[in-house]
Protein backbone atom coordinates (compact mmCIF):
# COMPACT_ATOMS: atom_id res chain seq x y z
CA MET A 1 -20.65 -8.85 15.14
CA LYS A 2 -17.47 -7.00 14.25
CA GLU A 3 -17.14 -5.01 11.06
CA LYS A 4 -14.79 -6.62 8.55
CA LEU A 5 -11.68 -4.67 7.59
CA TYR A 6 -9.95 -5.87 4.43
CA LEU A 7 -6.22 -5.21 4.15
CA ILE A 8 -4.00 -5.37 1.06
CA PRO A 9 -0.24 -5.12 1.71
CA GLY A 10 2.44 -3.59 -0.48
CA LEU A 11 5.23 -4.85 -2.69
CA MET A 12 6.92 -7.88 -1.12
CA CYS A 13 4.75 -7.69 1.98
CA ASP A 14 2.25 -10.08 3.52
CA GLU A 15 0.04 -10.04 6.61
CA ARG A 16 3.09 -9.53 8.82
CA LEU A 17 3.04 -5.93 7.60
CA TRP A 18 -0.03 -5.38 9.81
CA SER A 19 1.27 -7.25 12.85
CA ARG A 20 1.91 -4.17 14.98
CA MET A 21 -1.56 -2.77 14.25
CA VAL A 22 -3.57 -5.84 15.27
CA SER A 23 -3.83 -4.97 18.96
CA TYR A 24 -5.28 -1.55 18.10
CA LEU A 25 -7.79 -2.77 15.52
CA GLN A 26 -8.96 -6.21 16.59
CA GLU A 27 -11.46 -5.05 19.20
CA ARG A 28 -13.54 -3.27 16.57
CA PHE A 29 -12.70 -5.13 13.36
CA GLU A 30 -12.46 -8.64 12.03
CA LEU A 31 -9.25 -8.38 10.04
CA ILE A 32 -9.32 -9.98 6.59
CA TYR A 33 -5.86 -10.33 5.05
CA LEU A 34 -5.69 -10.21 1.27
CA LYS A 35 -2.73 -10.55 -1.07
CA ILE A 36 -1.78 -8.56 -4.14
CA PRO A 37 -3.04 -10.87 -6.91
CA HIS A 38 -0.30 -12.66 -8.83
CA THR A 39 -0.43 -10.77 -12.12
CA ARG A 40 1.12 -7.59 -13.47
CA ASN A 41 -2.19 -6.42 -14.99
CA PHE A 42 -4.35 -4.25 -12.76
CA ASP A 43 -7.57 -5.16 -14.55
CA GLU A 44 -6.83 -8.79 -13.80
CA MET A 45 -5.96 -7.90 -10.20
CA ALA A 46 -9.32 -6.19 -9.79
CA ASP A 47 -11.15 -9.18 -11.27
CA ILE A 48 -9.37 -11.58 -8.92
CA LEU A 49 -10.16 -9.42 -5.90
CA ASN A 50 -13.78 -9.21 -7.02
CA GLU A 51 -13.96 -13.00 -6.97
CA GLN A 52 -12.32 -13.21 -3.55
CA ILE A 53 -14.42 -10.51 -1.88
CA LYS A 54 -18.00 -11.72 -1.67
CA GLU A 55 -19.43 -8.81 0.34
CA GLU A 56 -20.36 -5.39 -0.97
CA ASN A 57 -19.67 -2.00 0.59
CA ILE A 58 -16.53 -3.12 2.40
CA ASN A 59 -14.03 -1.07 4.38
CA LEU A 60 -10.73 -1.52 2.51
CA VAL A 61 -7.17 -0.62 3.47
CA GLY A 62 -4.30 -0.65 0.99
CA PHE A 63 -0.61 0.03 1.57
CA SER A 64 1.77 1.30 -1.14
CA LEU A 65 1.33 -0.92 -4.23
CA GLY A 66 -1.64 -2.45 -2.42
CA GLY A 67 -3.03 1.06 -2.11
CA TYR A 68 -2.88 1.65 -5.85
CA THR A 69 -4.39 -1.80 -6.39
CA SER A 70 -7.19 -0.92 -3.96
CA LEU A 71 -7.89 2.33 -5.80
CA TYR A 72 -8.06 0.53 -9.12
CA PHE A 73 -10.35 -2.13 -7.68
CA SER A 74 -12.68 0.43 -6.12
CA LEU A 75 -13.06 2.20 -9.46
CA LYS A 76 -13.72 -0.95 -11.45
CA TYR A 77 -16.08 -2.45 -8.88
CA PRO A 78 -17.57 0.57 -7.07
CA ASN A 79 -20.30 -1.50 -5.42
CA LYS A 80 -17.68 -3.48 -3.52
CA VAL A 81 -16.05 -0.62 -1.59
CA SER A 82 -17.81 1.87 0.67
CA LYS A 83 -14.69 3.34 2.30
CA LEU A 84 -11.09 3.24 1.13
CA ASN A 85 -8.04 3.91 3.29
CA LEU A 86 -4.72 4.46 1.52
CA ILE A 87 -1.45 4.21 3.42
CA ALA A 88 1.69 5.61 1.74
CA ALA A 89 0.00 5.41 -1.66
CA SER A 90 -1.36 7.52 -4.47
CA GLY A 91 -3.05 6.92 -7.80
CA SER A 92 -0.26 8.38 -9.92
CA VAL A 93 1.98 6.77 -12.50
CA SER A 94 5.45 5.65 -11.51
CA PRO A 95 8.10 8.28 -12.40
CA GLN A 96 10.39 7.25 -15.23
CA ASP A 97 13.52 7.44 -13.10
CA GLU A 98 11.89 5.12 -10.56
CA ILE A 99 10.88 2.71 -13.35
CA ASP A 100 14.46 2.72 -14.64
CA ARG A 101 15.78 2.04 -11.14
CA ARG A 102 13.34 -0.83 -10.64
CA ARG A 103 14.21 -2.38 -14.00
CA LYS A 104 17.83 -2.50 -12.86
CA MET A 105 16.70 -4.09 -9.59
CA MET A 106 14.78 -6.75 -11.52
CA ILE A 107 17.73 -7.55 -13.78
CA LYS A 108 20.00 -7.78 -10.76
CA ALA A 109 17.58 -10.14 -9.03
CA ARG A 110 17.57 -12.41 -12.09
CA ASP A 111 21.33 -12.49 -12.53
CA LEU A 112 22.45 -12.79 -8.91
CA ASP A 113 21.48 -14.82 -5.88
CA PHE A 114 18.13 -13.72 -4.45
CA LEU A 115 19.03 -12.09 -1.15
CA PRO A 116 17.11 -10.11 1.48
CA PRO A 117 17.39 -6.33 1.28
CA PRO A 118 20.35 -5.15 3.40
CA LYS A 119 19.86 -2.88 6.40
CA ASP A 120 21.31 0.15 4.59
CA LYS A 121 18.56 -0.22 1.98
CA ILE A 122 15.80 -0.78 4.53
CA ILE A 123 16.66 2.32 6.54
CA THR A 124 15.89 4.47 3.47
CA LEU A 125 12.27 3.28 3.82
CA ILE A 126 11.73 3.60 7.57
CA ASP A 127 11.79 6.35 10.17
CA GLU A 128 15.02 7.35 11.87
CA LYS A 129 13.69 6.16 15.22
CA SER A 130 13.50 2.62 13.81
CA PHE A 131 17.02 2.32 12.41
CA ASP A 132 17.98 0.01 15.28
CA ASP A 133 14.65 -1.83 15.42
CA LYS A 134 15.97 -5.32 14.72
CA GLU A 135 12.52 -6.89 14.87
CA MET A 136 11.16 -4.57 12.18
CA ILE A 137 14.14 -5.07 9.91
CA LYS A 138 13.79 -8.84 10.27
CA ILE A 139 10.07 -8.69 9.44
CA ILE A 140 10.83 -6.77 6.24
CA GLN A 141 13.62 -9.14 5.24
CA ASP A 142 11.60 -12.27 6.08
CA MET A 143 8.58 -11.12 4.07
CA PHE A 144 10.82 -10.40 1.10
CA MET A 145 12.52 -13.79 1.16
CA ASP A 146 9.36 -15.79 1.88
CA LEU A 147 7.53 -14.24 -1.08
CA GLY A 148 10.50 -14.96 -3.34
CA ARG A 149 11.94 -14.02 -6.68
CA GLU A 150 8.89 -14.79 -8.85
CA ILE A 151 6.56 -12.59 -6.80
CA PHE A 152 9.21 -9.87 -6.68
CA GLU A 153 9.50 -9.72 -10.47
CA MET A 154 5.74 -9.85 -11.01
CA GLN A 155 4.96 -7.11 -8.51
CA LEU A 156 7.82 -4.93 -9.68
CA GLN A 157 6.66 -5.26 -13.29
CA SER A 158 3.15 -4.19 -12.32
CA THR A 159 4.50 -0.83 -11.14
CA PHE A 160 5.63 -0.13 -14.71
CA GLU A 161 2.01 -0.43 -15.91
CA ARG A 162 0.32 2.12 -13.66
CA GLU A 163 -2.00 4.73 -15.12
CA ASN A 164 -2.90 8.06 -13.60
CA LEU A 165 -6.21 7.62 -11.77
CA PHE A 166 -6.54 11.28 -10.82
CA GLU A 167 -9.53 12.27 -12.95
CA LYS A 168 -11.53 9.22 -11.93
CA ILE A 169 -10.77 9.66 -8.23
CA ALA A 170 -11.36 13.42 -8.30
CA LYS A 171 -14.90 12.83 -9.58
CA ASN A 172 -15.63 10.02 -7.14
CA ASP A 173 -17.51 10.88 -3.95
CA LYS A 174 -17.06 7.71 -1.93
CA PRO A 175 -15.10 8.15 1.32
CA LEU A 176 -11.37 8.19 0.68
CA ASN A 177 -8.78 8.55 3.45
CA ILE A 178 -5.07 9.00 2.70
CA ILE A 179 -2.24 8.94 5.22
CA CYS A 180 1.40 9.28 4.22
CA GLY A 181 4.79 10.54 5.29
CA ASN A 182 5.47 14.10 4.18
CA LYS A 183 9.05 13.20 3.16
CA ASP A 184 8.38 9.76 1.69
CA ARG A 185 10.28 9.63 -1.61
CA LEU A 186 8.11 6.78 -2.93
CA VAL A 187 4.79 8.63 -2.69
CA ASP A 188 3.72 11.30 -5.17
CA SER A 189 2.86 14.07 -2.72
CA ASN A 190 2.01 16.45 -5.56
CA TRP A 191 -0.71 14.04 -6.74
CA ILE A 192 -2.17 13.90 -3.24
CA GLU A 193 -1.95 17.68 -2.76
CA ARG A 194 -3.65 18.30 -6.09
CA LEU A 195 -6.41 15.86 -5.18
CA GLY A 196 -6.93 17.70 -1.91
CA LEU A 197 -7.34 20.98 -3.79
CA THR A 198 -9.69 19.48 -6.40
CA ARG A 199 -11.98 17.12 -4.53
CA THR A 200 -14.08 18.67 -1.76
CA LYS A 201 -16.30 15.77 -0.67
CA ASN A 202 -15.51 12.71 1.47
CA LEU A 203 -11.74 13.15 1.35
CA ASN A 204 -9.47 13.10 4.40
CA ILE A 205 -5.69 13.52 4.05
CA LYS A 206 -3.19 13.29 6.88
CA CYS A 207 0.58 13.70 6.58
CA LEU A 208 2.99 12.44 9.22
CA ASP A 209 6.31 14.24 9.65
CA THR A 210 8.57 11.40 8.54
CA THR A 211 10.64 10.03 5.70
CA SER A 212 9.17 6.59 6.36
CA HIS A 213 7.36 4.62 3.70
CA ASN A 214 6.69 1.58 5.85
CA LEU A 215 4.12 3.31 8.05
CA PRO A 216 2.19 0.25 9.32
CA LEU A 217 5.31 -1.07 11.05
CA ASP A 218 6.79 2.32 11.91
CA PHE A 219 3.66 4.10 13.17
CA PRO A 220 1.09 1.40 14.02
CA HIS A 221 -0.73 3.47 16.63
CA GLU A 222 -1.07 6.54 14.42
CA ILE A 223 -2.17 4.51 11.37
CA SER A 224 -4.67 2.51 13.42
CA ASN A 225 -6.16 5.67 14.92
CA PHE A 226 -6.48 7.14 11.46
CA ILE A 227 -8.46 4.11 10.29
CA LEU A 228 -10.58 4.00 13.44
CA ASN A 229 -11.47 7.70 13.41
CA THR A 230 -12.12 8.46 9.74
């Protein structure tokens, strides 16, 4: 029987986020696709996930906002998670300038037609080698539009409510694996670096040389190998 691997996507993403990783992971894992619960409150998110996940000691993967959600869940329900894999995520608060930028995005989404993110926006979140990857760009746009305005506002609002989980994670000794881009503007690299200097047990950090945030689509082989080998 295959080990179950639970996956939580990021903001305005669904199971299509993992589509390029399936061929690398499916031989070893039964892939269980979760969603970010539909609430802006992380305590409520953790409670909903606890109801959905019946097993204990699971292997959990979280990307971006799903990574923070996974961290929060693992702290509130420590018996549920035995190993946590974070992709392009940290447990830090959102910077104020990023909160201000996202508030403007939310207001714009309310006042104007709800449209898919344009290519010039998407290429700020992917690797240079993927700028002409029409399939990837379409996946990102399709996920965004299929999830819709209500989910967009709810998930965006949740990022305003983040708390710094550093002290709790630094004291935790359950296996934690973090992989990120070393030039990803959306990930708090200082938080990750500080954690690496503070926590000495069951922590594995890997940085890819990229500006990409959307690592599961950009680097499926590298991300899959990281999950398989840690």
